[in-house]
Amino acid sequence: MNESAILLTNIDSVPGKTIVEHFGLVQGATIRAKHIGTDTLASLKNIIGGELKGYTKLLQESREEATSRMIEQARQLGANAIINVRFATSSVAKGAAELFAYGTAVRIE
């Protein structure tokens, strides 16, 4: 594993590795809103059906940003892995959503 890389997993261990240090919860969050034009197009798409590509892109960007922030927090603690990684979303205002990434920072060998 690259010395600067942080391994991410959604299970509670890393097969073949031993957890030698536990740093606790790490997290990253972002709140995003789309342009009014995207909301208008999404409303029209709701009528005819299909994927809301603007929102798909918004959530992908949000996951990447929240994950990046979580990884940075783990790196600052000295971790080289994050186990039990989870994502949560919530609506915080009309047209704005929070994406929250969290997990347990550990050092593995």
N, C-alpha and C. Protein backbone atom coordinates (compact mmCIF):
# COMPACT_ATOMS: atom_id res chain seq x y z
N MET A 1 0.85 -1.19 0.00
CA MET A 1 0.00 0.00 0.00
C MET A 1 0.89 1.24 0.00
N ASN A 2 0.57 2.21 -0.84
CA ASN A 2 1.27 3.49 -0.92
C ASN A 2 1.26 4.14 0.46
N GLU A 3 2.39 4.68 0.89
CA GLU A 3 2.51 5.26 2.23
C GLU A 3 1.48 6.36 2.49
N SER A 4 1.14 7.13 1.46
CA SER A 4 0.19 8.23 1.66
C SER A 4 -1.26 7.81 1.40
N ALA A 5 -1.46 6.60 0.87
CA ALA A 5 -2.81 6.14 0.56
C ALA A 5 -3.55 5.73 1.84
N ILE A 6 -4.82 6.04 1.86
CA ILE A 6 -5.69 5.62 2.96
C ILE A 6 -6.63 4.57 2.40
N LEU A 7 -6.59 3.37 2.94
CA LEU A 7 -7.47 2.30 2.49
C LEU A 7 -8.87 2.54 3.08
N LEU A 8 -9.89 2.41 2.26
CA LEU A 8 -11.28 2.56 2.70
C LEU A 8 -12.01 1.24 2.53
N THR A 9 -12.80 0.87 3.53
CA THR A 9 -13.62 -0.33 3.42
C THR A 9 -14.91 -0.13 4.20
N ASN A 10 -15.97 -0.79 3.75
CA ASN A 10 -17.24 -0.69 4.47
C ASN A 10 -17.45 -1.87 5.42
N ILE A 11 -16.42 -2.69 5.61
CA ILE A 11 -16.50 -3.76 6.60
C ILE A 11 -15.68 -3.38 7.83
N ASP A 12 -15.77 -4.17 8.89
CA ASP A 12 -15.15 -3.78 10.16
C ASP A 12 -13.72 -4.27 10.35
N SER A 13 -13.10 -4.75 9.28
CA SER A 13 -11.71 -5.18 9.34
C SER A 13 -11.16 -5.14 7.92
N VAL A 14 -9.86 -5.39 7.81
CA VAL A 14 -9.23 -5.48 6.50
C VAL A 14 -8.65 -6.88 6.41
N PRO A 15 -9.22 -7.72 5.55
CA PRO A 15 -8.74 -9.10 5.45
C PRO A 15 -7.22 -9.16 5.23
N GLY A 16 -6.58 -10.00 6.03
CA GLY A 16 -5.13 -10.18 5.92
C GLY A 16 -4.31 -9.14 6.66
N LYS A 17 -4.97 -8.18 7.28
CA LYS A 17 -4.28 -7.12 8.02
C LYS A 17 -4.74 -7.14 9.48
N THR A 18 -3.92 -6.57 10.35
CA THR A 18 -4.24 -6.46 11.77
C THR A 18 -4.37 -5.00 12.14
N ILE A 19 -5.44 -4.67 12.85
CA ILE A 19 -5.61 -3.31 13.35
C ILE A 19 -4.71 -3.16 14.57
N VAL A 20 -3.76 -2.22 14.48
CA VAL A 20 -2.80 -2.03 15.57
C VAL A 20 -3.05 -0.75 16.36
N GLU A 21 -3.85 0.14 15.80
CA GLU A 21 -4.19 1.37 16.52
C GLU A 21 -5.55 1.86 16.05
N HIS A 22 -6.31 2.37 17.00
CA HIS A 22 -7.68 2.85 16.76
C HIS A 22 -7.73 4.34 17.06
N PHE A 23 -8.15 5.15 16.08
CA PHE A 23 -8.19 6.60 16.27
C PHE A 23 -9.60 7.14 16.49
N GLY A 24 -10.60 6.33 16.21
CA GLY A 24 -11.98 6.76 16.42
C GLY A 24 -12.65 7.28 15.15
N LEU A 25 -13.77 7.92 15.35
CA LEU A 25 -14.62 8.40 14.27
C LEU A 25 -13.95 9.52 13.48
N VAL A 26 -14.01 9.40 12.15
CA VAL A 26 -13.62 10.49 11.26
C VAL A 26 -14.81 10.76 10.35
N GLN A 27 -14.89 12.00 9.90
CA GLN A 27 -16.07 12.36 9.11
C GLN A 27 -15.75 13.47 8.13
N GLY A 28 -16.58 13.56 7.14
CA GLY A 28 -16.49 14.64 6.17
C GLY A 28 -17.89 14.94 5.67
N ALA A 29 -18.18 16.19 5.42
CA ALA A 29 -19.52 16.58 4.97
C ALA A 29 -19.43 17.70 3.96
N THR A 30 -20.45 17.80 3.15
CA THR A 30 -20.61 18.92 2.24
C THR A 30 -22.09 19.17 2.04
N ILE A 31 -22.44 20.40 1.84
CA ILE A 31 -23.83 20.77 1.54
C ILE A 31 -23.80 21.43 0.17
N ARG A 32 -24.62 20.92 -0.72
CA ARG A 32 -24.62 21.41 -2.10
C ARG A 32 -26.03 21.75 -2.55
N ALA A 33 -26.09 22.70 -3.46
CA ALA A 33 -27.35 23.07 -4.10
C ALA A 33 -27.09 23.16 -5.60
N LYS A 34 -28.10 22.85 -6.37
CA LYS A 34 -28.00 22.95 -7.82
C LYS A 34 -28.57 24.27 -8.30
N HIS A 35 -28.15 24.67 -9.47
CA HIS A 35 -28.63 25.87 -10.14
C HIS A 35 -30.14 25.78 -10.39
N ILE A 36 -30.83 26.89 -10.36
CA ILE A 36 -32.28 26.92 -10.58
C ILE A 36 -32.66 26.27 -11.91
N GLY A 37 -31.81 26.41 -12.92
CA GLY A 37 -32.07 25.78 -14.22
C GLY A 37 -32.11 24.27 -14.11
N THR A 38 -31.23 23.70 -13.30
CA THR A 38 -31.22 22.26 -13.09
C THR A 38 -32.50 21.82 -12.41
N ASP A 39 -32.96 22.59 -11.42
CA ASP A 39 -34.22 22.27 -10.74
C ASP A 39 -35.39 22.30 -11.71
N THR A 40 -35.39 23.28 -12.60
CA THR A 40 -36.47 23.39 -13.58
C THR A 40 -36.47 22.19 -14.52
N LEU A 41 -35.29 21.83 -15.03
CA LEU A 41 -35.19 20.67 -15.91
C LEU A 41 -35.57 19.39 -15.18
N ALA A 42 -35.20 19.28 -13.90
CA ALA A 42 -35.56 18.11 -13.12
C ALA A 42 -37.07 18.01 -12.96
N SER A 43 -37.74 19.14 -12.77
CA SER A 43 -39.20 19.13 -12.65
C SER A 43 -39.84 18.61 -13.92
N LEU A 44 -39.32 19.02 -15.07
CA LEU A 44 -39.84 18.53 -16.34
C LEU A 44 -39.56 17.04 -16.51
N LYS A 45 -38.38 16.59 -16.08
CA LYS A 45 -38.02 15.18 -16.19
C LYS A 45 -38.94 14.32 -15.32
N ASN A 46 -39.40 14.88 -14.20
CA ASN A 46 -40.33 14.14 -13.33
C ASN A 46 -41.63 13.82 -14.07
N ILE A 47 -42.01 14.66 -14.98
CA ILE A 47 -43.24 14.45 -15.74
C ILE A 47 -43.06 13.34 -16.78
N ILE A 48 -41.93 13.36 -17.49
CA ILE A 48 -41.73 12.38 -18.56
C ILE A 48 -40.93 11.15 -18.12
N GLY A 49 -40.28 11.23 -16.98
CA GLY A 49 -39.52 10.10 -16.45
C GLY A 49 -38.08 10.10 -16.94
N GLY A 50 -37.26 9.32 -16.27
CA GLY A 50 -35.85 9.19 -16.65
C GLY A 50 -34.92 9.66 -15.54
N GLU A 51 -33.63 9.46 -15.79
CA GLU A 51 -32.62 9.83 -14.80
C GLU A 51 -32.47 11.35 -14.72
N LEU A 52 -32.31 11.83 -13.51
CA LEU A 52 -32.06 13.25 -13.27
C LEU A 52 -30.55 13.43 -13.22
N LYS A 53 -29.94 13.58 -14.40
CA LYS A 53 -28.48 13.56 -14.52
C LYS A 53 -27.81 14.69 -13.75
N GLY A 54 -28.45 15.85 -13.66
CA GLY A 54 -27.87 16.94 -12.89
C GLY A 54 -27.74 16.58 -11.42
N TYR A 55 -28.74 15.88 -10.88
CA TYR A 55 -28.68 15.47 -9.49
C TYR A 55 -27.73 14.29 -9.28
N THR A 56 -27.64 13.41 -10.27
CA THR A 56 -26.68 12.32 -10.19
C THR A 56 -25.26 12.89 -10.09
N LYS A 57 -24.97 13.88 -10.94
CA LYS A 57 -23.65 14.51 -10.92
C LYS A 57 -23.42 15.23 -9.59
N LEU A 58 -24.44 15.92 -9.09
CA LEU A 58 -24.35 16.62 -7.81
C LEU A 58 -23.99 15.65 -6.68
N LEU A 59 -24.66 14.52 -6.62
CA LEU A 59 -24.39 13.54 -5.56
C LEU A 59 -23.01 12.93 -5.70
N GLN A 60 -22.57 12.66 -6.93
CA GLN A 60 -21.23 12.11 -7.15
C GLN A 60 -20.17 13.10 -6.66
N GLU A 61 -20.32 14.36 -7.04
CA GLU A 61 -19.37 15.39 -6.59
C GLU A 61 -19.40 15.51 -5.06
N SER A 62 -20.58 15.43 -4.48
CA SER A 62 -20.72 15.55 -3.03
C SER A 62 -20.06 14.37 -2.32
N ARG A 63 -20.25 13.15 -2.83
CA ARG A 63 -19.59 11.97 -2.24
C ARG A 63 -18.08 12.13 -2.27
N GLU A 64 -17.57 12.58 -3.41
CA GLU A 64 -16.11 12.74 -3.54
C GLU A 64 -15.58 13.79 -2.56
N GLU A 65 -16.28 14.91 -2.42
CA GLU A 65 -15.83 15.97 -1.51
C GLU A 65 -15.90 15.50 -0.04
N ALA A 66 -17.01 14.88 0.34
CA ALA A 66 -17.15 14.40 1.73
C ALA A 66 -16.11 13.33 2.04
N THR A 67 -15.87 12.43 1.10
CA THR A 67 -14.87 11.37 1.29
C THR A 67 -13.48 11.97 1.42
N SER A 68 -13.17 12.94 0.58
CA SER A 68 -11.87 13.61 0.64
C SER A 68 -11.65 14.27 2.00
N ARG A 69 -12.66 14.90 2.54
CA ARG A 69 -12.55 15.55 3.85
C ARG A 69 -12.38 14.52 4.96
N MET A 70 -13.08 13.40 4.86
CA MET A 70 -12.95 12.33 5.85
C MET A 70 -11.53 11.76 5.81
N ILE A 71 -11.01 11.52 4.61
CA ILE A 71 -9.66 10.98 4.46
C ILE A 71 -8.63 11.95 5.03
N GLU A 72 -8.79 13.22 4.77
CA GLU A 72 -7.84 14.21 5.30
C GLU A 72 -7.83 14.20 6.83
N GLN A 73 -9.00 14.08 7.44
CA GLN A 73 -9.06 14.01 8.90
C GLN A 73 -8.33 12.77 9.40
N ALA A 74 -8.53 11.63 8.74
CA ALA A 74 -7.85 10.39 9.14
C ALA A 74 -6.34 10.52 8.98
N ARG A 75 -5.92 11.12 7.88
CA ARG A 75 -4.49 11.32 7.62
C ARG A 75 -3.85 12.17 8.73
N GLN A 76 -4.54 13.21 9.15
CA GLN A 76 -4.02 14.08 10.21
C GLN A 76 -3.87 13.34 11.53
N LEU A 77 -4.68 12.32 11.75
CA LEU A 77 -4.59 11.51 12.97
C LEU A 77 -3.47 10.47 12.90
N GLY A 78 -2.97 10.20 11.69
CA GLY A 78 -1.94 9.19 11.52
C GLY A 78 -2.48 7.84 11.08
N ALA A 79 -3.73 7.78 10.68
CA ALA A 79 -4.33 6.52 10.24
C ALA A 79 -3.88 6.18 8.83
N ASN A 80 -3.93 4.88 8.50
CA ASN A 80 -3.68 4.45 7.13
C ASN A 80 -4.85 3.67 6.55
N ALA A 81 -5.97 3.63 7.32
CA ALA A 81 -7.18 2.97 6.83
C ALA A 81 -8.40 3.56 7.55
N ILE A 82 -9.52 3.46 6.86
CA ILE A 82 -10.81 3.82 7.48
C ILE A 82 -11.74 2.64 7.25
N ILE A 83 -12.23 2.08 8.33
CA ILE A 83 -13.13 0.93 8.25
C ILE A 83 -14.56 1.38 8.55
N ASN A 84 -15.51 0.54 8.22
CA ASN A 84 -16.94 0.82 8.44
C ASN A 84 -17.39 2.13 7.79
N VAL A 85 -16.91 2.40 6.59
CA VAL A 85 -17.26 3.64 5.90
C VAL A 85 -18.74 3.62 5.52
N ARG A 86 -19.42 4.72 5.81
CA ARG A 86 -20.84 4.87 5.51
C ARG A 86 -21.10 6.26 4.95
N PHE A 87 -22.21 6.39 4.23
CA PHE A 87 -22.66 7.67 3.69
C PHE A 87 -24.08 7.91 4.14
N ALA A 88 -24.41 9.16 4.39
CA ALA A 88 -25.78 9.55 4.74
C ALA A 88 -26.09 10.85 4.02
N THR A 89 -27.35 11.03 3.69
CA THR A 89 -27.77 12.28 3.06
C THR A 89 -28.96 12.84 3.81
N SER A 90 -29.11 14.14 3.71
CA SER A 90 -30.28 14.78 4.30
C SER A 90 -30.55 16.07 3.57
N SER A 91 -31.79 16.46 3.55
CA SER A 91 -32.18 17.73 2.95
C SER A 91 -32.08 18.79 4.04
N VAL A 92 -31.35 19.87 3.75
CA VAL A 92 -31.16 20.91 4.76
C VAL A 92 -31.92 22.19 4.41
N ALA A 93 -32.32 22.32 3.17
CA ALA A 93 -33.10 23.48 2.72
C ALA A 93 -33.68 23.12 1.36
N LYS A 94 -34.64 23.89 0.91
CA LYS A 94 -35.23 23.62 -0.40
C LYS A 94 -34.13 23.72 -1.47
N GLY A 95 -33.90 22.62 -2.15
CA GLY A 95 -32.89 22.60 -3.21
C GLY A 95 -31.47 22.38 -2.74
N ALA A 96 -31.27 22.12 -1.44
CA ALA A 96 -29.91 21.89 -0.92
C ALA A 96 -29.90 20.60 -0.11
N ALA A 97 -28.83 19.82 -0.28
CA ALA A 97 -28.71 18.56 0.43
C ALA A 97 -27.31 18.43 1.03
N GLU A 98 -27.26 17.76 2.17
CA GLU A 98 -25.98 17.44 2.80
C GLU A 98 -25.63 16.00 2.48
N LEU A 99 -24.36 15.76 2.18
CA LEU A 99 -23.86 14.41 2.08
C LEU A 99 -22.78 14.27 3.14
N PHE A 100 -22.89 13.24 3.96
CA PHE A 100 -22.04 13.02 5.12
C PHE A 100 -21.37 11.67 4.96
N ALA A 101 -20.04 11.63 5.06
CA ALA A 101 -19.27 10.39 5.02
C ALA A 101 -18.62 10.21 6.39
N TYR A 102 -18.65 8.97 6.89
CA TYR A 102 -18.03 8.73 8.19
C TYR A 102 -17.53 7.29 8.28
N GLY A 103 -16.59 7.09 9.17
CA GLY A 103 -16.02 5.77 9.39
C GLY A 103 -15.10 5.80 10.59
N THR A 104 -14.40 4.70 10.80
CA THR A 104 -13.49 4.57 11.93
C THR A 104 -12.06 4.56 11.42
N ALA A 105 -11.26 5.52 11.86
CA ALA A 105 -9.86 5.61 11.46
C ALA A 105 -9.02 4.64 12.28
N VAL A 106 -8.18 3.89 11.58
CA VAL A 106 -7.31 2.91 12.24
C VAL A 106 -5.95 2.88 11.55
N ARG A 107 -5.00 2.26 12.22
CA ARG A 107 -3.70 1.94 11.60
C ARG A 107 -3.66 0.43 11.48
N ILE A 108 -3.35 -0.03 10.28
CA ILE A 108 -3.27 -1.47 10.04
C ILE A 108 -1.86 -1.84 9.64
N GLU A 109 -1.53 -3.12 9.88
CA GLU A 109 -0.23 -3.68 9.43
C GLU A 109 -0.50 -5.02 8.82
